[in-house]
Structures are given as C-alpha cells and as structure tokens.
Amino acid sequence: MKKLFAVLLLVASAFGLAIPDPVPFIDEGLLFIILINSLSMLGLDLRRFVGMKNGKKKAADKPIDIN
C-alpha cells in the first residue's frame, strides 16, 4: 500500500513539474521534494545528490564505549 501511494505521488509530482505555473519557486520546489522522496521510497535514493539527509546514521555517529 505504501508503494502504491509512493507511485501515485511520483506520477502526480512529475505531472505537476511538467506544467508551468505563476509561482515557480514554491510549487516546483515542493514537487521536486515529493518526487525525490517518493523515488527513495521505491528504492531509488537520489537524496544524497541534492543535499537532503537520508535518515541513515553513519558508523561515526554511534557512541563510543570506554571501559
């Protein structure tokens, strides 16, 4: 069900990006964020190329135990 919703958002955002609008910065920016996040939900994670954090912690972010 999540993947179906992601596909619907992907199609809607791609269709919205193809239509020019009077306020291009707000609408196209939000549609681009929706497009990138729905693609990452479907398995194609492009968020690192556009500067978005992907929520995965790196190994350096783990606490170090000193005993």
PDB file of N, CA and C in Angstrom:
ATOM      1  N   MET A   1       0.820  -1.185   0.000  1.00  0.00           N
ATOM      2  CA  MET A   1       0.000   0.000   0.000  1.00  0.00           C
ATOM      3  C   MET A   1       0.871   1.259   0.000  1.00  0.00           C
ATOM      4  N   LYS A   2       2.005   1.188   0.731  1.00  0.00           N
ATOM      5  CA  LYS A   2       2.911   2.336   0.760  1.00  0.00           C
ATOM      6  C   LYS A   2       3.521   2.580  -0.614  1.00  0.00           C
ATOM      7  N   LYS A   3       3.845   1.499  -1.312  1.00  0.00           N
ATOM      8  CA  LYS A   3       4.450   1.652  -2.632  1.00  0.00           C
ATOM      9  C   LYS A   3       3.441   2.197  -3.642  1.00  0.00           C
ATOM     10  N   LEU A   4       2.180   1.824  -3.522  1.00  0.00           N
ATOM     11  CA  LEU A   4       1.154   2.359  -4.403  1.00  0.00           C
ATOM     12  C   LEU A   4       0.984   3.859  -4.179  1.00  0.00           C
ATOM     13  N   PHE A   5       0.984   4.261  -2.917  1.00  0.00           N
ATOM     14  CA  PHE A   5       0.890   5.683  -2.581  1.00  0.00           C
ATOM     15  C   PHE A   5       2.113   6.447  -3.091  1.00  0.00           C
ATOM     16  N   ALA A   6       3.293   5.826  -2.993  1.00  0.00           N
ATOM     17  CA  ALA A   6       4.516   6.462  -3.495  1.00  0.00           C
ATOM     18  C   ALA A   6       4.479   6.604  -5.009  1.00  0.00           C
ATOM     19  N   VAL A   7       3.941   5.620  -5.697  1.00  0.00           N
ATOM     20  CA  VAL A   7       3.830   5.700  -7.162  1.00  0.00           C
ATOM     21  C   VAL A   7       2.851   6.797  -7.549  1.00  0.00           C
ATOM     22  N   LEU A   8       1.731   6.902  -6.838  1.00  0.00           N
ATOM     23  CA  LEU A   8       0.765   7.963  -7.120  1.00  0.00           C
ATOM     24  C   LEU A   8       1.366   9.345  -6.892  1.00  0.00           C
ATOM     25  N   LEU A   9       2.116   9.511  -5.816  1.00  0.00           N
ATOM     26  CA  LEU A   9       2.786  10.788  -5.566  1.00  0.00           C
ATOM     27  C   LEU A   9       3.849  11.081  -6.621  1.00  0.00           C
ATOM     28  N   LEU A  10       4.547  10.051  -7.047  1.00  0.00           N
ATOM     29  CA  LEU A  10       5.574  10.213  -8.079  1.00  0.00           C
ATOM     30  C   LEU A  10       4.959  10.694  -9.390  1.00  0.00           C
ATOM     31  N   VAL A  11       3.875  10.074  -9.796  1.00  0.00           N
ATOM     32  CA  VAL A  11       3.216  10.462 -11.045  1.00  0.00           C
ATOM     33  C   VAL A  11       2.637  11.869 -10.934  1.00  0.00           C
ATOM     34  N   ALA A  12       2.001  12.176  -9.799  1.00  0.00           N
ATOM     35  CA  ALA A  12       1.403  13.498  -9.619  1.00  0.00           C
ATOM     36  C   ALA A  12       2.464  14.594  -9.596  1.00  0.00           C
ATOM     37  N   SER A  13       3.582  14.347  -8.934  1.00  0.00           N
ATOM     38  CA  SER A  13       4.623  15.372  -8.871  1.00  0.00           C
ATOM     39  C   SER A  13       5.317  15.539 -10.217  1.00  0.00           C
ATOM     40  N   ALA A  14       5.513  14.450 -10.951  1.00  0.00           N
ATOM     41  CA  ALA A  14       6.116  14.563 -12.282  1.00  0.00           C
ATOM     42  C   ALA A  14       5.182  15.309 -13.230  1.00  0.00           C
ATOM     43  N   PHE A  15       3.889  15.065 -13.129  1.00  0.00           N
ATOM     44  CA  PHE A  15       2.917  15.778 -13.955  1.00  0.00           C
ATOM     45  C   PHE A  15       2.878  17.253 -13.571  1.00  0.00           C
ATOM     46  N   GLY A  16       2.971  17.547 -12.282  1.00  0.00           N
ATOM     47  CA  GLY A  16       2.964  18.935 -11.817  1.00  0.00           C
ATOM     48  C   GLY A  16       4.213  19.701 -12.206  1.00  0.00           C
ATOM     49  N   LEU A  17       5.341  19.015 -12.299  1.00  0.00           N
ATOM     50  CA  LEU A  17       6.580  19.665 -12.719  1.00  0.00           C
ATOM     51  C   LEU A  17       6.569  20.001 -14.210  1.00  0.00           C
ATOM     52  N   ALA A  18       5.772  19.266 -14.987  1.00  0.00           N
ATOM     53  CA  ALA A  18       5.723  19.498 -16.426  1.00  0.00           C
ATOM     54  C   ALA A  18       4.878  20.715 -16.792  1.00  0.00           C
ATOM     55  N   ILE A  19       3.979  21.134 -15.891  1.00  0.00           N
ATOM     56  CA  ILE A  19       3.089  22.261 -16.166  1.00  0.00           C
ATOM     57  C   ILE A  19       3.698  23.536 -15.581  1.00  0.00           C
ATOM     58  N   PRO A  20       3.886  24.589 -16.380  1.00  0.00           N
ATOM     59  CA  PRO A  20       4.386  25.857 -15.823  1.00  0.00           C
ATOM     60  C   PRO A  20       3.318  26.544 -14.977  1.00  0.00           C
ATOM     61  N   ASP A  21       3.756  27.248 -13.952  1.00  0.00           N
ATOM     62  CA  ASP A  21       2.818  27.914 -13.055  1.00  0.00           C
ATOM     63  C   ASP A  21       3.308  29.327 -12.731  1.00  0.00           C
ATOM     64  N   PRO A  22       2.454  30.169 -12.160  1.00  0.00           N
ATOM     65  CA  PRO A  22       2.851  31.564 -11.913  1.00  0.00           C
ATOM     66  C   PRO A  22       3.856  31.755 -10.776  1.00  0.00           C
ATOM     67  N   VAL A  23       3.912  30.842  -9.810  1.00  0.00           N
ATOM     68  CA  VAL A  23       4.864  30.940  -8.691  1.00  0.00           C
ATOM     69  C   VAL A  23       5.801  29.729  -8.782  1.00  0.00           C
ATOM     70  N   PRO A  24       6.819  29.790  -9.621  1.00  0.00           N
ATOM     71  CA  PRO A  24       7.599  28.586  -9.908  1.00  0.00           C
ATOM     72  C   PRO A  24       8.481  28.102  -8.765  1.00  0.00           C
ATOM     73  N   PHE A  25       8.955  29.008  -7.921  1.00  0.00           N
ATOM     74  CA  PHE A  25       9.908  28.576  -6.894  1.00  0.00           C
ATOM     75  C   PHE A  25       9.240  27.758  -5.805  1.00  0.00           C
ATOM     76  N   ILE A  26       8.067  28.145  -5.385  1.00  0.00           N
ATOM     77  CA  ILE A  26       7.394  27.434  -4.299  1.00  0.00           C
ATOM     78  C   ILE A  26       6.835  26.107  -4.788  1.00  0.00           C
ATOM     79  N   ASP A  27       6.066  26.143  -5.854  1.00  0.00           N
ATOM     80  CA  ASP A  27       5.416  24.926  -6.315  1.00  0.00           C
ATOM     81  C   ASP A  27       6.401  23.895  -6.841  1.00  0.00           C
ATOM     82  N   GLU A  28       7.322  24.307  -7.667  1.00  0.00           N
ATOM     83  CA  GLU A  28       8.253  23.347  -8.232  1.00  0.00           C
ATOM     84  C   GLU A  28       9.225  22.811  -7.192  1.00  0.00           C
ATOM     85  N   GLY A  29       9.577  23.611  -6.212  1.00  0.00           N
ATOM     86  CA  GLY A  29      10.446  23.129  -5.138  1.00  0.00           C
ATOM     87  C   GLY A  29       9.781  22.046  -4.307  1.00  0.00           C
ATOM     88  N   LEU A  30       8.525  22.265  -3.946  1.00  0.00           N
ATOM     89  CA  LEU A  30       7.799  21.259  -3.174  1.00  0.00           C
ATOM     90  C   LEU A  30       7.551  20.002  -3.996  1.00  0.00           C
ATOM     91  N   LEU A  31       7.219  20.167  -5.258  1.00  0.00           N
ATOM     92  CA  LEU A  31       7.001  18.998  -6.113  1.00  0.00           C
ATOM     93  C   LEU A  31       8.295  18.214  -6.301  1.00  0.00           C
ATOM     94  N   PHE A  32       9.431  18.900  -6.370  1.00  0.00           N
ATOM     95  CA  PHE A  32      10.714  18.211  -6.503  1.00  0.00           C
ATOM     96  C   PHE A  32      11.037  17.411  -5.241  1.00  0.00           C
ATOM     97  N   ILE A  33      10.744  17.971  -4.074  1.00  0.00           N
ATOM     98  CA  ILE A  33      10.972  17.248  -2.815  1.00  0.00           C
ATOM     99  C   ILE A  33      10.095  16.004  -2.747  1.00  0.00           C
ATOM    100  N   ILE A  34       8.832  16.135  -3.162  1.00  0.00           N
ATOM    101  CA  ILE A  34       7.933  14.985  -3.183  1.00  0.00           C
ATOM    102  C   ILE A  34       8.435  13.935  -4.170  1.00  0.00           C
ATOM    103  N   LEU A  35       8.909  14.371  -5.333  1.00  0.00           N
ATOM    104  CA  LEU A  35       9.435  13.457  -6.340  1.00  0.00           C
ATOM    105  C   LEU A  35      10.643  12.687  -5.814  1.00  0.00           C
ATOM    106  N   ILE A  36      11.589  13.387  -5.203  1.00  0.00           N
ATOM    107  CA  ILE A  36      12.797  12.732  -4.691  1.00  0.00           C
ATOM    108  C   ILE A  36      12.468  11.765  -3.560  1.00  0.00           C
ATOM    109  N   ASN A  37      11.580  12.167  -2.654  1.00  0.00           N
ATOM    110  CA  ASN A  37      11.234  11.280  -1.538  1.00  0.00           C
ATOM    111  C   ASN A  37      10.423  10.073  -1.993  1.00  0.00           C
ATOM    112  N   SER A  38       9.549  10.235  -2.966  1.00  0.00           N
ATOM    113  CA  SER A  38       8.799   9.079  -3.446  1.00  0.00           C
ATOM    114  C   SER A  38       9.702   8.118  -4.221  1.00  0.00           C
ATOM    115  N   LEU A  39      10.687   8.647  -4.938  1.00  0.00           N
ATOM    116  CA  LEU A  39      11.654   7.765  -5.600  1.00  0.00           C
ATOM    117  C   LEU A  39      12.472   6.983  -4.576  1.00  0.00           C
ATOM    118  N   SER A  40      12.841   7.620  -3.471  1.00  0.00           N
ATOM    119  CA  SER A  40      13.604   6.904  -2.448  1.00  0.00           C
ATOM    120  C   SER A  40      12.752   5.845  -1.761  1.00  0.00           C
ATOM    121  N   MET A  41      11.449   6.088  -1.672  1.00  0.00           N
ATOM    122  CA  MET A  41      10.544   5.090  -1.097  1.00  0.00           C
ATOM    123  C   MET A  41      10.446   3.860  -2.005  1.00  0.00           C
ATOM    124  N   LEU A  42      10.590   4.088  -3.307  1.00  0.00           N
ATOM    125  CA  LEU A  42      10.527   2.987  -4.263  1.00  0.00           C
ATOM    126  C   LEU A  42      11.870   2.299  -4.474  1.00  0.00           C
ATOM    127  N   GLY A  43      12.926   2.783  -3.823  1.00  0.00           N
ATOM    128  CA  GLY A  43      14.211   2.101  -3.879  1.00  0.00           C
ATOM    129  C   GLY A  43      15.300   2.833  -4.642  1.00  0.00           C
ATOM    130  N   LEU A  44      14.995   3.980  -5.228  1.00  0.00           N
ATOM    131  CA  LEU A  44      15.985   4.753  -5.965  1.00  0.00           C
ATOM    132  C   LEU A  44      16.285   6.007  -5.157  1.00  0.00           C
ATOM    133  N   ASP A  45      17.300   5.923  -4.303  1.00  0.00           N
ATOM    134  CA  ASP A  45      17.596   7.008  -3.364  1.00  0.00           C
ATOM    135  C   ASP A  45      18.539   8.029  -4.000  1.00  0.00           C
ATOM    136  N   LEU A  46      17.993   9.151  -4.429  1.00  0.00           N
ATOM    137  CA  LEU A  46      18.773  10.228  -5.043  1.00  0.00           C
ATOM    138  C   LEU A  46      18.924  11.421  -4.113  1.00  0.00           C
ATOM    139  N   ARG A  47      18.512  11.278  -2.862  1.00  0.00           N
ATOM    140  CA  ARG A  47      18.538  12.408  -1.931  1.00  0.00           C
ATOM    141  C   ARG A  47      19.948  12.875  -1.621  1.00  0.00           C
ATOM    142  N   ARG A  48      20.921  12.006  -1.686  1.00  0.00           N
ATOM    143  CA  ARG A  48      22.292  12.416  -1.369  1.00  0.00           C
ATOM    144  C   ARG A  48      22.871  13.334  -2.436  1.00  0.00           C
ATOM    145  N   PHE A  49      22.347  13.257  -3.667  1.00  0.00           N
ATOM    146  CA  PHE A  49      22.844  14.092  -4.749  1.00  0.00           C
ATOM    147  C   PHE A  49      22.287  15.506  -4.706  1.00  0.00           C
ATOM    148  N   VAL A  50      21.180  15.707  -4.012  1.00  0.00           N
ATOM    149  CA  VAL A  50      20.576  17.032  -3.942  1.00  0.00           C
ATOM    150  C   VAL A  50      20.749  17.665  -2.567  1.00  0.00           C
ATOM    151  N   GLY A  51      21.498  17.028  -1.689  1.00  0.00           N
ATOM    152  CA  GLY A  51      21.819  17.624  -0.397  1.00  0.00           C
ATOM    153  C   GLY A  51      20.820  17.351   0.706  1.00  0.00           C
ATOM    154  N   MET A  52      19.958  16.371   0.533  1.00  0.00           N
ATOM    155  CA  MET A  52      18.993  16.030   1.571  1.00  0.00           C
ATOM    156  C   MET A  52      19.561  14.916   2.443  1.00  0.00           C
ATOM    157  N   LYS A  53      19.254  14.953   3.722  1.00  0.00           N
ATOM    158  CA  LYS A  53      19.701  13.892   4.612  1.00  0.00           C
ATOM    159  C   LYS A  53      18.774  12.699   4.454  1.00  0.00           C
ATOM    160  N   ASN A  54      19.333  11.517   4.463  1.00  0.00           N
ATOM    161  CA  ASN A  54      18.522  10.333   4.217  1.00  0.00           C
ATOM    162  C   ASN A  54      18.084   9.620   5.488  1.00  0.00           C
ATOM    163  N   GLY A  55      18.446  10.083   6.657  1.00  0.00           N
ATOM    164  CA  GLY A  55      17.982   9.482   7.890  1.00  0.00           C
ATOM    165  C   GLY A  55      18.809   8.306   8.371  1.00  0.00           C
ATOM    166  N   LYS A  56      19.725   7.822   7.571  1.00  0.00           N
ATOM    167  CA  LYS A  56      20.575   6.719   7.995  1.00  0.00           C
ATOM    168  C   LYS A  56      21.765   7.276   8.748  1.00  0.00           C
ATOM    169  N   LYS A  57      22.055   6.672   9.896  1.00  0.00           N
ATOM    170  CA  LYS A  57      23.193   7.134  10.685  1.00  0.00           C
ATOM    171  C   LYS A  57      24.471   6.464  10.197  1.00  0.00           C
ATOM    172  N   LYS A  58      25.513   7.218  10.163  1.00  0.00           N
ATOM    173  CA  LYS A  58      26.819   6.681   9.776  1.00  0.00           C
ATOM    174  C   LYS A  58      27.440   5.960  10.969  1.00  0.00           C
ATOM    175  N   ALA A  59      28.464   5.195  10.704  1.00  0.00           N
ATOM    176  CA  ALA A  59      29.126   4.450  11.767  1.00  0.00           C
ATOM    177  C   ALA A  59      29.828   5.390  12.742  1.00  0.00           C
ATOM    178  N   ALA A  60      30.229   6.572  12.290  1.00  0.00           N
ATOM    179  CA  ALA A  60      30.918   7.523  13.154  1.00  0.00           C
ATOM    180  C   ALA A  60      29.962   8.196  14.142  1.00  0.00           C
ATOM    181  N   ASP A  61      28.656   8.125  13.905  1.00  0.00           N
ATOM    182  CA  ASP A  61      27.686   8.755  14.782  1.00  0.00           C
ATOM    183  C   ASP A  61      27.321   7.904  15.985  1.00  0.00           C
ATOM    184  N   LYS A  62      27.774   6.667  16.032  1.00  0.00           N
ATOM    185  CA  LYS A  62      27.455   5.783  17.140  1.00  0.00           C
ATOM    186  C   LYS A  62      28.308   6.183  18.342  1.00  0.00           C
ATOM    187  N   PRO A  63      27.756   6.043  19.552  1.00  0.00           N
ATOM    188  CA  PRO A  63      28.560   6.371  20.747  1.00  0.00           C
ATOM    189  C   PRO A  63      29.692   5.362  20.947  1.00  0.00           C
ATOM    190  N   ILE A  64      30.771   5.846  21.524  1.00  0.00           N
ATOM    191  CA  ILE A  64      31.938   5.006  21.786  1.00  0.00           C
ATOM    192  C   ILE A  64      31.947   4.642  23.265  1.00  0.00           C
ATOM    193  N   ASP A  65      31.987   3.330  23.542  1.00  0.00           N
ATOM    194  CA  ASP A  65      32.044   2.856  24.921  1.00  0.00           C
ATOM    195  C   ASP A  65      33.496   2.788  25.379  1.00  0.00           C
ATOM    196  N   ILE A  66      33.775   3.418  26.524  1.00  0.00           N
ATOM    197  CA  ILE A  66      35.111   3.379  27.091  1.00  0.00           C
ATOM    198  C   ILE A  66      35.006   2.687  28.448  1.00  0.00           C
ATOM    199  N   ASN A  67      35.592   1.529  28.560  1.00  0.00           N
ATOM    200  CA  ASN A  67      35.544   0.764  29.820  1.00  0.00           C
ATOM    201  C   ASN A  67      36.911   0.585  30.384  1.00  0.00           C
TER     202      ASN A  67
END
